[in-house]
Amino acid sequence: MLVLASDTTGKSLSVALLRDGRLVGETRLDLGYNHAVTHMPQVMNLLQSCETDIQAIDLFACTNGPGSFTGTR
């Protein structure tokens, strides 16, 4: 199973790709609370660096808070 996980609830933006429970790649940026602008480009950069198409993802996982309104929606 291929899982794309992200955490946008804090100052750091984290995105990870896991295959069968093993970490394939990850990225973490501390850009303050600017995730609305940087989240999708970081997802696409991670997928590209791991040579993975977004259509191959079986599960999208995200945190649900606590966090800012913009960071959790």
Protein backbone atom coordinates (compact mmCIF):
# COMPACT_ATOMS: atom_id res chain seq x y z
CA MET A 1 0.00 0.00 0.00
CA LEU A 2 1.29 3.44 -0.95
CA VAL A 3 0.50 6.21 1.56
CA LEU A 4 1.01 9.94 1.16
CA ALA A 5 0.92 11.62 4.58
CA SER A 6 1.05 15.30 5.43
CA ASP A 7 1.02 17.46 8.54
CA THR A 8 0.13 21.13 8.18
CA THR A 9 -1.01 21.85 11.73
CA GLY A 10 2.15 23.55 13.02
CA LYS A 11 4.85 25.89 11.78
CA SER A 12 6.59 23.06 9.96
CA LEU A 13 5.11 21.47 6.86
CA SER A 14 5.77 17.73 6.65
CA VAL A 15 5.03 15.41 3.75
CA ALA A 16 5.98 11.73 3.64
CA LEU A 17 5.58 8.82 1.25
CA LEU A 18 5.38 5.30 2.66
CA ARG A 19 5.22 1.98 0.82
CA ASP A 20 4.01 -0.98 2.88
CA GLY A 21 4.83 0.86 6.11
CA ARG A 22 8.39 1.78 5.09
CA LEU A 23 9.47 5.35 4.49
CA VAL A 24 10.24 6.03 0.83
CA GLY A 25 10.78 9.78 1.09
CA GLU A 26 9.96 12.80 3.19
CA THR A 27 10.22 16.55 3.22
CA ARG A 28 9.95 19.00 6.09
CA LEU A 29 10.01 22.76 5.79
CA ASP A 30 9.77 25.43 8.46
CA LEU A 31 8.25 28.35 6.57
CA GLY A 32 5.92 29.60 9.26
CA TYR A 33 2.22 29.27 8.59
CA ASN A 34 2.41 29.55 4.80
CA HIS A 35 1.21 26.01 4.05
CA ALA A 36 -1.64 27.03 1.75
CA VAL A 37 0.97 28.20 -0.77
CA THR A 38 3.67 25.56 -0.25
CA HIS A 39 1.79 22.32 0.47
CA MET A 40 0.92 21.12 -3.03
CA PRO A 41 4.27 22.08 -4.59
CA GLN A 42 6.01 20.09 -1.83
CA VAL A 43 3.74 17.09 -2.45
CA MET A 44 4.50 17.17 -6.17
CA ASN A 45 8.26 17.61 -5.55
CA LEU A 46 8.28 14.62 -3.21
CA LEU A 47 6.36 12.44 -5.66
CA GLN A 48 8.69 13.45 -8.48
CA SER A 49 11.83 12.74 -6.43
CA CYS A 50 10.41 9.31 -5.51
CA GLU A 51 9.42 8.67 -9.15
CA THR A 52 5.80 8.12 -8.12
CA ASP A 53 2.63 9.24 -9.88
CA ILE A 54 -0.11 10.71 -7.70
CA GLN A 55 -2.57 8.22 -9.21
CA ALA A 56 -0.57 5.39 -7.63
CA ILE A 57 -1.40 6.62 -4.10
CA ASP A 58 -3.69 4.21 -2.23
CA LEU A 59 -4.28 6.34 0.85
CA PHE A 60 -3.96 10.03 1.69
CA ALA A 61 -3.35 10.64 5.40
CA CYS A 62 -3.40 13.96 7.22
CA THR A 63 -3.48 15.29 10.75
CA ASN A 64 -6.68 16.81 12.07
CA GLY A 65 -5.31 19.23 14.62
CA PRO A 66 -5.11 21.03 16.77
CA GLY A 67 -3.95 23.76 14.44
CA SER A 68 -5.00 26.90 12.66
CA PHE A 69 -8.16 26.89 10.55
CA THR A 70 -6.21 27.20 7.30
CA GLY A 71 -3.69 24.56 8.41
CA THR A 72 -6.33 21.92 9.09
CA ARG A 73 -8.80 22.35 6.25
